[in-house]
């Protein structure tokens, strides 16, 4: 093998090594969903179950606007929170539309509730390095809740912090 052939082999190997993924890199499980035309994610450990959204939601008078009502989940009563209202997003769904949505049964350190989302996209393991800090250009009303951003299948996804969401709900900020 000549020196030029050896150099070509070494250059090829170097370019191949750049494509190698670190399999020991820490990963996080994310539940990715949509609200209208925007995409969000919650940490997998904060979502204990995904319901199809066809459950009967019972209205409870006197609740904040962000609470849709309550549901019965195998004998346990869970509140259902409208994330549109909590995140100050325009709700593009009609109140009595036939559009099927999902309910994510989520829990934080201090509370648990169902969260109404438009559509569950995926539950995935993402390398922690793919989650970037939120940009300064993020709208002010989302800043307290977004812990990071990532690209998923060409979509910009905001990673939400469940403790911040539930704390805002409990203190009546939304």
N, C-alpha and C. Protein backbone atom coordinates (compact mmCIF):
# COMPACT_ATOMS: atom_id res chain seq x y z
N UNK A 1 0.85 -1.18 0.00
CA UNK A 1 0.00 0.00 0.00
C UNK A 1 0.89 1.23 0.00
N UNK A 2 0.63 2.13 -0.90
CA UNK A 2 1.44 3.35 -1.00
C UNK A 2 1.00 4.36 0.05
N UNK A 3 1.86 5.37 0.25
CA UNK A 3 1.56 6.40 1.24
C UNK A 3 0.27 7.15 0.90
N UNK A 4 0.03 7.42 -0.37
CA UNK A 4 -1.18 8.15 -0.76
C UNK A 4 -2.43 7.30 -0.51
N UNK A 5 -2.33 5.99 -0.74
CA UNK A 5 -3.47 5.11 -0.46
C UNK A 5 -3.74 5.04 1.04
N UNK A 6 -2.69 4.99 1.83
CA UNK A 6 -2.82 4.95 3.28
C UNK A 6 -3.48 6.23 3.80
N UNK A 7 -3.06 7.37 3.24
CA UNK A 7 -3.66 8.65 3.64
C UNK A 7 -5.15 8.67 3.31
N UNK A 8 -5.53 8.14 2.16
CA UNK A 8 -6.95 8.11 1.77
C UNK A 8 -7.76 7.24 2.72
N UNK A 9 -7.22 6.09 3.11
CA UNK A 9 -7.91 5.21 4.06
C UNK A 9 -8.07 5.91 5.40
N UNK A 10 -7.01 6.57 5.87
CA UNK A 10 -7.09 7.29 7.14
C UNK A 10 -8.11 8.42 7.08
N UNK A 11 -8.13 9.16 5.98
CA UNK A 11 -9.12 10.23 5.83
C UNK A 11 -10.54 9.68 5.81
N UNK A 12 -10.73 8.55 5.16
CA UNK A 12 -12.06 7.92 5.14
C UNK A 12 -12.49 7.53 6.54
N UNK A 13 -11.58 6.94 7.29
CA UNK A 13 -11.91 6.52 8.66
C UNK A 13 -12.23 7.72 9.55
N UNK A 14 -11.50 8.81 9.38
CA UNK A 14 -11.78 10.01 10.17
C UNK A 14 -13.16 10.53 9.87
N UNK A 15 -13.56 10.55 8.61
CA UNK A 15 -14.89 11.05 8.27
C UNK A 15 -15.97 10.11 8.79
N UNK A 16 -15.69 8.81 8.80
CA UNK A 16 -16.66 7.86 9.34
C UNK A 16 -16.79 8.01 10.85
N UNK A 17 -15.69 8.31 11.53
CA UNK A 17 -15.73 8.46 12.98
C UNK A 17 -16.57 9.65 13.39
N UNK A 18 -16.68 10.66 12.56
CA UNK A 18 -17.50 11.82 12.90
C UNK A 18 -18.97 11.46 12.93
N UNK A 19 -19.37 10.40 12.25
CA UNK A 19 -20.76 9.97 12.22
C UNK A 19 -21.13 9.06 13.38
N UNK A 20 -20.15 8.67 14.18
CA UNK A 20 -20.40 7.76 15.29
C UNK A 20 -21.12 8.51 16.40
N UNK A 21 -22.16 7.89 16.94
CA UNK A 21 -22.95 8.49 18.00
C UNK A 21 -22.49 7.92 19.33
N UNK A 22 -22.37 8.75 20.32
CA UNK A 22 -21.98 8.31 21.65
C UNK A 22 -23.16 7.59 22.29
N UNK A 23 -23.07 6.27 22.41
CA UNK A 23 -24.18 5.49 22.94
C UNK A 23 -24.31 5.63 24.45
N UNK A 24 -23.28 6.16 25.10
CA UNK A 24 -23.34 6.35 26.54
C UNK A 24 -23.87 7.72 26.92
N UNK A 25 -24.24 8.53 25.93
CA UNK A 25 -24.77 9.86 26.22
C UNK A 25 -26.10 9.73 26.96
N UNK A 26 -26.28 10.53 28.01
CA UNK A 26 -27.54 10.46 28.76
C UNK A 26 -28.74 10.83 27.88
N UNK A 27 -29.83 10.10 28.05
CA UNK A 27 -31.04 10.38 27.30
C UNK A 27 -32.18 10.68 28.27
N UNK A 28 -33.17 11.41 27.76
CA UNK A 28 -34.38 11.68 28.53
C UNK A 28 -35.58 11.24 27.71
N UNK A 29 -36.57 10.72 28.38
CA UNK A 29 -37.81 10.32 27.72
C UNK A 29 -38.73 11.52 27.69
N UNK A 30 -39.28 11.83 26.51
CA UNK A 30 -40.17 12.97 26.36
C UNK A 30 -41.50 12.52 25.73
N UNK A 31 -42.58 13.10 26.22
CA UNK A 31 -43.90 12.91 25.64
C UNK A 31 -44.18 14.16 24.81
N UNK A 32 -44.23 14.00 23.49
CA UNK A 32 -44.35 15.14 22.58
C UNK A 32 -45.80 15.24 22.10
N UNK A 33 -46.37 16.46 22.15
CA UNK A 33 -47.77 16.67 21.79
C UNK A 33 -47.93 18.03 21.13
N UNK A 34 -49.11 18.24 20.55
CA UNK A 34 -49.39 19.52 19.92
C UNK A 34 -50.56 20.22 20.62
N UNK A 35 -50.49 21.53 20.57
CA UNK A 35 -51.59 22.42 20.97
C UNK A 35 -51.75 23.37 19.80
N UNK A 36 -52.77 23.15 18.99
CA UNK A 36 -52.91 23.94 17.78
C UNK A 36 -51.75 23.65 16.86
N UNK A 37 -51.09 24.72 16.41
CA UNK A 37 -49.93 24.58 15.51
C UNK A 37 -48.61 24.61 16.26
N UNK A 38 -48.65 24.56 17.59
CA UNK A 38 -47.41 24.59 18.38
C UNK A 38 -47.17 23.23 18.99
N UNK A 39 -45.88 22.93 19.22
CA UNK A 39 -45.49 21.61 19.70
C UNK A 39 -44.76 21.74 21.03
N UNK A 40 -45.11 20.84 21.96
CA UNK A 40 -44.57 20.86 23.30
C UNK A 40 -44.20 19.45 23.72
N UNK A 41 -43.44 19.36 24.81
CA UNK A 41 -43.07 18.06 25.37
C UNK A 41 -43.04 18.17 26.88
N UNK A 42 -43.32 17.05 27.52
CA UNK A 42 -43.17 16.91 28.96
C UNK A 42 -42.21 15.76 29.22
N UNK A 43 -41.50 15.83 30.32
CA UNK A 43 -40.61 14.73 30.69
C UNK A 43 -41.46 13.48 30.91
N UNK A 44 -40.97 12.36 30.41
CA UNK A 44 -41.71 11.11 30.49
C UNK A 44 -42.07 10.70 31.91
N UNK A 45 -41.19 10.98 32.87
CA UNK A 45 -41.49 10.57 34.25
C UNK A 45 -42.63 11.39 34.86
N UNK A 46 -42.99 12.52 34.26
CA UNK A 46 -44.08 13.32 34.80
C UNK A 46 -45.44 12.92 34.21
N UNK A 47 -45.45 12.07 33.19
CA UNK A 47 -46.71 11.61 32.59
C UNK A 47 -46.88 10.13 32.92
N UNK A 48 -47.90 9.84 33.72
CA UNK A 48 -48.05 8.45 34.13
C UNK A 48 -48.97 7.64 33.22
N UNK A 49 -49.81 8.34 32.42
CA UNK A 49 -50.73 7.63 31.52
C UNK A 49 -51.26 8.60 30.48
N UNK A 50 -51.58 8.05 29.31
CA UNK A 50 -52.21 8.84 28.25
C UNK A 50 -53.60 8.26 28.02
N UNK A 51 -54.61 9.10 28.14
CA UNK A 51 -56.00 8.69 27.92
C UNK A 51 -56.43 9.16 26.53
N UNK A 52 -57.33 8.42 25.90
CA UNK A 52 -57.71 8.77 24.52
C UNK A 52 -58.47 10.08 24.38
N UNK A 53 -58.97 10.64 25.47
CA UNK A 53 -59.67 11.92 25.39
C UNK A 53 -61.16 11.79 25.17
N UNK A 54 -61.65 10.57 25.08
CA UNK A 54 -63.08 10.35 24.88
C UNK A 54 -63.83 10.22 26.20
N UNK A 55 -63.14 10.33 27.31
CA UNK A 55 -63.76 10.19 28.62
C UNK A 55 -64.74 11.34 28.86
N UNK A 56 -65.78 11.05 29.60
CA UNK A 56 -66.75 12.08 29.95
C UNK A 56 -66.13 13.01 30.99
N UNK A 57 -66.11 14.30 30.68
CA UNK A 57 -65.58 15.30 31.60
C UNK A 57 -66.77 16.01 32.23
N UNK A 58 -66.81 15.98 33.55
CA UNK A 58 -67.92 16.58 34.28
C UNK A 58 -67.55 18.00 34.72
N UNK A 59 -68.38 18.94 34.33
CA UNK A 59 -68.17 20.34 34.67
C UNK A 59 -68.33 20.54 36.17
N UNK A 60 -67.47 21.36 36.76
CA UNK A 60 -67.55 21.69 38.18
C UNK A 60 -67.69 23.20 38.29
N UNK A 61 -68.84 23.69 38.79
CA UNK A 61 -69.04 25.15 38.90
C UNK A 61 -68.01 25.79 39.84
N UNK A 62 -67.63 27.02 39.50
CA UNK A 62 -66.74 27.79 40.36
C UNK A 62 -65.26 27.51 40.17
N UNK A 63 -64.91 26.66 39.24
CA UNK A 63 -63.49 26.36 39.00
C UNK A 63 -62.88 27.43 38.10
N UNK A 64 -61.56 27.59 38.14
CA UNK A 64 -60.90 28.56 37.25
C UNK A 64 -61.14 28.20 35.78
N UNK A 65 -60.98 29.17 34.89
CA UNK A 65 -61.22 28.96 33.47
C UNK A 65 -60.32 27.88 32.88
N UNK A 66 -59.17 27.64 33.48
CA UNK A 66 -58.25 26.63 32.95
C UNK A 66 -58.69 25.21 33.26
N UNK A 67 -59.68 25.03 34.15
CA UNK A 67 -60.14 23.69 34.51
C UNK A 67 -61.37 23.35 33.67
N UNK A 68 -61.22 22.31 32.86
CA UNK A 68 -62.33 21.84 32.03
C UNK A 68 -63.38 21.13 32.87
N UNK A 69 -62.93 20.39 33.89
CA UNK A 69 -63.82 19.63 34.75
C UNK A 69 -63.06 18.49 35.39
N UNK A 70 -63.78 17.42 35.73
CA UNK A 70 -63.16 16.25 36.34
C UNK A 70 -63.57 14.99 35.58
N UNK A 71 -62.73 13.96 35.68
CA UNK A 71 -63.02 12.67 35.06
C UNK A 71 -62.83 11.58 36.11
N UNK A 72 -63.43 10.44 35.84
CA UNK A 72 -63.29 9.26 36.69
C UNK A 72 -62.33 8.30 35.98
N UNK A 73 -61.18 8.08 36.59
CA UNK A 73 -60.18 7.15 36.03
C UNK A 73 -60.07 5.96 36.97
N UNK A 74 -60.79 4.90 36.62
CA UNK A 74 -60.79 3.67 37.42
C UNK A 74 -61.04 3.94 38.91
N UNK A 75 -62.03 4.78 39.19
CA UNK A 75 -62.41 5.09 40.56
C UNK A 75 -61.72 6.29 41.17
N UNK A 76 -60.69 6.81 40.52
CA UNK A 76 -60.00 8.01 41.01
C UNK A 76 -60.52 9.23 40.25
N UNK A 77 -60.79 10.30 40.97
CA UNK A 77 -61.26 11.54 40.35
C UNK A 77 -60.05 12.40 40.02
N UNK A 78 -59.93 12.79 38.76
CA UNK A 78 -58.82 13.63 38.29
C UNK A 78 -59.39 14.90 37.66
N UNK A 79 -58.79 16.03 37.96
CA UNK A 79 -59.17 17.26 37.27
C UNK A 79 -58.57 17.22 35.87
N UNK A 80 -59.18 17.97 34.95
CA UNK A 80 -58.66 18.09 33.59
C UNK A 80 -58.41 19.58 33.33
N UNK A 81 -57.16 19.91 33.11
CA UNK A 81 -56.74 21.30 32.91
C UNK A 81 -56.56 21.54 31.41
N UNK A 82 -57.07 22.67 30.94
CA UNK A 82 -56.88 23.09 29.56
C UNK A 82 -55.52 23.78 29.45
N UNK A 83 -54.58 23.18 28.78
CA UNK A 83 -53.27 23.80 28.64
C UNK A 83 -53.32 25.09 27.83
N UNK A 84 -54.29 25.19 26.90
CA UNK A 84 -54.44 26.44 26.14
C UNK A 84 -54.56 27.64 27.08
N UNK A 85 -55.44 27.52 28.05
CA UNK A 85 -55.68 28.62 28.97
C UNK A 85 -54.49 28.84 29.89
N UNK A 86 -53.94 27.75 30.41
CA UNK A 86 -52.81 27.85 31.32
C UNK A 86 -51.60 28.50 30.66
N UNK A 87 -51.36 28.19 29.38
CA UNK A 87 -50.22 28.74 28.65
C UNK A 87 -50.54 30.03 27.89
N UNK A 88 -51.77 30.53 28.03
CA UNK A 88 -52.23 31.74 27.35
C UNK A 88 -52.12 31.62 25.83
N UNK A 89 -52.49 30.48 25.30
CA UNK A 89 -52.48 30.25 23.85
C UNK A 89 -53.91 30.37 23.33
N UNK A 90 -54.08 30.80 22.09
CA UNK A 90 -55.44 30.85 21.54
C UNK A 90 -55.95 29.43 21.31
N UNK A 91 -57.14 29.15 21.81
CA UNK A 91 -57.74 27.82 21.65
C UNK A 91 -58.40 27.77 20.28
N UNK A 92 -57.87 26.93 19.41
CA UNK A 92 -58.38 26.83 18.05
C UNK A 92 -59.51 25.82 17.93
N UNK A 93 -59.79 25.10 19.00
CA UNK A 93 -60.86 24.09 18.95
C UNK A 93 -62.17 24.69 19.44
N UNK A 94 -63.23 24.30 18.78
CA UNK A 94 -64.55 24.70 19.26
C UNK A 94 -64.89 23.87 20.48
N UNK A 95 -65.63 24.46 21.40
CA UNK A 95 -65.93 23.80 22.67
C UNK A 95 -66.58 22.44 22.47
N UNK A 96 -67.52 22.32 21.56
CA UNK A 96 -68.24 21.05 21.37
C UNK A 96 -67.84 20.37 20.06
N UNK A 97 -66.62 20.57 19.62
CA UNK A 97 -66.21 19.98 18.34
C UNK A 97 -66.02 18.48 18.48
N UNK A 98 -66.07 17.80 17.37
CA UNK A 98 -65.88 16.35 17.35
C UNK A 98 -64.40 15.98 17.26
N UNK A 99 -63.54 17.00 17.25
CA UNK A 99 -62.10 16.77 17.18
C UNK A 99 -61.66 15.97 18.40
N UNK A 100 -61.02 14.82 18.17
CA UNK A 100 -60.56 14.01 19.29
C UNK A 100 -59.22 14.51 19.80
N UNK A 101 -59.12 14.60 21.08
CA UNK A 101 -57.90 15.05 21.73
C UNK A 101 -57.45 13.95 22.69
N UNK A 102 -56.37 14.19 23.39
CA UNK A 102 -55.88 13.25 24.39
C UNK A 102 -55.79 13.96 25.74
N UNK A 103 -55.77 13.16 26.79
CA UNK A 103 -55.56 13.68 28.13
C UNK A 103 -54.32 13.00 28.69
N UNK A 104 -53.33 13.80 29.07
CA UNK A 104 -52.12 13.28 29.70
C UNK A 104 -52.31 13.36 31.21
N UNK A 105 -52.27 12.22 31.88
CA UNK A 105 -52.33 12.23 33.34
C UNK A 105 -50.93 12.53 33.84
N UNK A 106 -50.74 13.75 34.33
CA UNK A 106 -49.41 14.21 34.72
C UNK A 106 -49.34 14.42 36.22
N UNK A 107 -48.11 14.36 36.72
CA UNK A 107 -47.90 14.59 38.15
C UNK A 107 -46.62 15.37 38.35
N UNK A 108 -46.67 16.23 39.35
CA UNK A 108 -45.47 16.96 39.77
C UNK A 108 -45.19 16.52 41.20
N UNK A 109 -44.30 17.23 41.85
CA UNK A 109 -43.97 16.87 43.23
C UNK A 109 -45.16 17.10 44.17
N UNK A 110 -46.03 18.09 43.82
CA UNK A 110 -47.07 18.48 44.75
C UNK A 110 -48.49 18.24 44.28
N UNK A 111 -48.70 17.92 43.02
CA UNK A 111 -50.07 17.68 42.56
C UNK A 111 -50.08 16.80 41.33
N UNK A 112 -51.28 16.36 40.96
CA UNK A 112 -51.46 15.59 39.73
C UNK A 112 -52.78 16.00 39.11
N UNK A 113 -52.83 15.91 37.78
CA UNK A 113 -54.03 16.32 37.05
C UNK A 113 -53.94 15.81 35.63
N UNK A 114 -55.07 15.81 34.96
CA UNK A 114 -55.09 15.52 33.54
C UNK A 114 -54.84 16.81 32.77
N UNK A 115 -54.09 16.72 31.68
CA UNK A 115 -53.81 17.87 30.84
C UNK A 115 -54.37 17.59 29.45
N UNK A 116 -55.29 18.43 28.99
CA UNK A 116 -55.90 18.25 27.66
C UNK A 116 -54.93 18.76 26.60
N UNK A 117 -54.61 17.90 25.65
CA UNK A 117 -53.75 18.27 24.53
C UNK A 117 -54.48 17.91 23.24
N UNK A 118 -54.11 18.58 22.15
CA UNK A 118 -54.77 18.31 20.87
C UNK A 118 -54.42 16.93 20.33
N UNK A 119 -53.11 16.64 20.30
CA UNK A 119 -52.71 15.39 19.68
C UNK A 119 -51.40 14.92 20.29
N UNK A 120 -51.34 13.66 20.64
CA UNK A 120 -50.09 13.06 21.09
C UNK A 120 -49.30 12.67 19.86
N UNK A 121 -48.07 13.18 19.74
CA UNK A 121 -47.25 12.88 18.57
C UNK A 121 -46.38 11.65 18.78
N UNK A 122 -45.70 11.58 19.94
CA UNK A 122 -44.78 10.48 20.14
C UNK A 122 -44.27 10.48 21.58
N UNK A 123 -43.76 9.33 21.99
CA UNK A 123 -43.02 9.20 23.23
C UNK A 123 -41.65 8.70 22.82
N UNK A 124 -40.61 9.51 23.06
CA UNK A 124 -39.29 9.20 22.52
C UNK A 124 -38.20 9.38 23.57
N UNK A 125 -37.08 8.71 23.32
CA UNK A 125 -35.87 8.94 24.09
C UNK A 125 -35.01 9.89 23.26
N UNK A 126 -34.64 11.01 23.86
CA UNK A 126 -33.86 12.05 23.18
C UNK A 126 -32.54 12.24 23.95
N UNK A 127 -31.45 12.36 23.23
CA UNK A 127 -30.17 12.67 23.88
C UNK A 127 -30.28 14.03 24.55
N UNK A 128 -29.79 14.13 25.77
CA UNK A 128 -29.87 15.39 26.51
C UNK A 128 -29.21 16.54 25.76
N UNK A 129 -28.20 16.24 24.97
CA UNK A 129 -27.50 17.29 24.23
C UNK A 129 -28.36 17.91 23.13
N UNK A 130 -29.45 17.23 22.75
CA UNK A 130 -30.34 17.78 21.72
C UNK A 130 -31.27 18.85 22.28
N UNK A 131 -31.43 18.89 23.58
CA UNK A 131 -32.28 19.90 24.21
C UNK A 131 -31.44 21.13 24.48
N UNK A 132 -31.81 22.23 23.84
CA UNK A 132 -31.09 23.49 23.94
C UNK A 132 -31.81 24.41 24.93
N UNK A 133 -31.10 25.35 25.53
CA UNK A 133 -31.77 26.31 26.42
C UNK A 133 -32.78 27.14 25.63
N UNK A 134 -33.84 27.61 26.30
CA UNK A 134 -34.83 28.43 25.59
C UNK A 134 -34.21 29.74 25.13
N UNK A 135 -34.59 30.22 23.95
CA UNK A 135 -34.02 31.47 23.44
C UNK A 135 -34.61 32.68 24.15
N UNK A 136 -33.90 33.78 24.09
CA UNK A 136 -34.38 35.04 24.66
C UNK A 136 -35.64 35.53 23.94
N UNK A 137 -35.81 35.14 22.68
CA UNK A 137 -36.96 35.59 21.89
C UNK A 137 -38.26 34.86 22.26
N UNK A 138 -38.20 33.93 23.18
CA UNK A 138 -39.39 33.20 23.62
C UNK A 138 -40.38 34.20 24.23
N UNK A 139 -41.68 34.08 23.88
CA UNK A 139 -42.66 35.01 24.46
C UNK A 139 -42.64 34.99 25.99
N UNK A 140 -42.82 36.15 26.59
CA UNK A 140 -42.75 36.28 28.06
C UNK A 140 -43.70 35.34 28.78
N UNK A 141 -44.90 35.13 28.22
CA UNK A 141 -45.88 34.30 28.92
C UNK A 141 -45.48 32.82 28.92
N UNK A 142 -44.55 32.41 28.07
CA UNK A 142 -44.09 31.02 28.05
C UNK A 142 -42.80 30.82 28.85
N UNK A 143 -42.05 31.88 29.07
CA UNK A 143 -40.73 31.76 29.72
C UNK A 143 -40.75 31.01 31.05
N UNK A 144 -41.74 31.22 31.93
CA UNK A 144 -41.70 30.50 33.21
C UNK A 144 -41.89 28.99 33.07
N UNK A 145 -42.41 28.53 31.94
CA UNK A 145 -42.78 27.12 31.81
C UNK A 145 -41.85 26.32 30.90
N UNK A 146 -41.08 26.98 30.06
CA UNK A 146 -40.25 26.28 29.07
C UNK A 146 -38.83 26.13 29.61
N UNK A 147 -38.38 24.87 29.69
CA UNK A 147 -37.02 24.61 30.18
C UNK A 147 -36.03 24.36 29.05
N UNK A 148 -36.53 24.14 27.84
CA UNK A 148 -35.62 23.91 26.72
C UNK A 148 -36.36 23.78 25.41
N UNK A 149 -35.61 23.76 24.32
CA UNK A 149 -36.15 23.59 22.98
C UNK A 149 -35.38 22.48 22.27
N UNK A 150 -36.06 21.79 21.36
CA UNK A 150 -35.40 20.78 20.56
C UNK A 150 -36.06 20.68 19.20
N UNK A 151 -35.35 20.10 18.26
CA UNK A 151 -35.89 19.81 16.93
C UNK A 151 -36.29 18.34 16.93
N UNK A 152 -37.54 18.06 16.54
CA UNK A 152 -38.03 16.69 16.45
C UNK A 152 -38.76 16.54 15.13
N UNK A 153 -38.24 15.71 14.26
CA UNK A 153 -38.84 15.49 12.93
C UNK A 153 -39.11 16.81 12.22
N UNK A 154 -38.19 17.74 12.32
CA UNK A 154 -38.33 19.03 11.64
C UNK A 154 -39.23 20.02 12.35
N UNK A 155 -39.72 19.68 13.54
CA UNK A 155 -40.60 20.56 14.30
C UNK A 155 -39.85 21.17 15.48
N UNK A 156 -40.13 22.42 15.77
CA UNK A 156 -39.58 23.06 16.97
C UNK A 156 -40.48 22.68 18.15
N UNK A 157 -39.91 22.05 19.15
CA UNK A 157 -40.66 21.55 20.30
C UNK A 157 -40.14 22.23 21.57
N UNK A 158 -41.06 22.83 22.33
CA UNK A 158 -40.72 23.46 23.60
C UNK A 158 -40.94 22.44 24.72
N UNK A 159 -39.91 22.22 25.52
CA UNK A 159 -40.01 21.29 26.65
C UNK A 159 -40.56 22.06 27.84
N UNK A 160 -41.70 21.60 28.36
CA UNK A 160 -42.37 22.29 29.47
C UNK A 160 -41.93 21.70 30.81
N UNK A 161 -41.89 22.54 31.81
CA UNK A 161 -41.55 22.12 33.17
C UNK A 161 -42.86 21.92 33.93
N UNK A 162 -43.19 20.67 34.26
CA UNK A 162 -44.49 20.35 34.88
C UNK A 162 -44.66 21.04 36.24
N UNK A 163 -43.59 21.12 37.04
CA UNK A 163 -43.71 21.77 38.35
C UNK A 163 -44.09 23.24 38.20
N UNK A 164 -43.50 23.93 37.23
CA UNK A 164 -43.83 25.34 37.01
C UNK A 164 -45.28 25.50 36.55
N UNK A 165 -45.75 24.60 35.68
CA UNK A 165 -47.15 24.66 35.23
C UNK A 165 -48.11 24.48 36.38
N UNK A 166 -47.90 23.45 37.17
CA UNK A 166 -48.82 23.17 38.27
C UNK A 166 -48.70 24.23 39.37
N UNK A 167 -47.52 24.76 39.63
CA UNK A 167 -47.38 25.82 40.63
C UNK A 167 -48.15 27.06 40.20
N UNK A 168 -48.09 27.41 38.90
CA UNK A 168 -48.84 28.56 38.39
C UNK A 168 -50.34 28.31 38.54
N UNK A 169 -50.77 27.11 38.26
CA UNK A 169 -52.18 26.78 38.38
C UNK A 169 -52.62 26.88 39.84
N UNK A 170 -51.82 26.33 40.75
CA UNK A 170 -52.19 26.35 42.17
C UNK A 170 -52.21 27.74 42.76
N UNK A 171 -51.32 28.60 42.30
CA UNK A 171 -51.28 29.96 42.86
C UNK A 171 -52.27 30.89 42.16
N UNK A 172 -52.99 30.36 41.18
CA UNK A 172 -54.02 31.15 40.52
C UNK A 172 -53.50 32.12 39.51
N UNK A 173 -52.25 31.93 39.06
CA UNK A 173 -51.72 32.84 38.04
C UNK A 173 -52.42 32.65 36.72
N UNK A 174 -53.00 31.53 36.46
CA UNK A 174 -53.68 31.26 35.20
C UNK A 174 -55.06 30.73 35.47
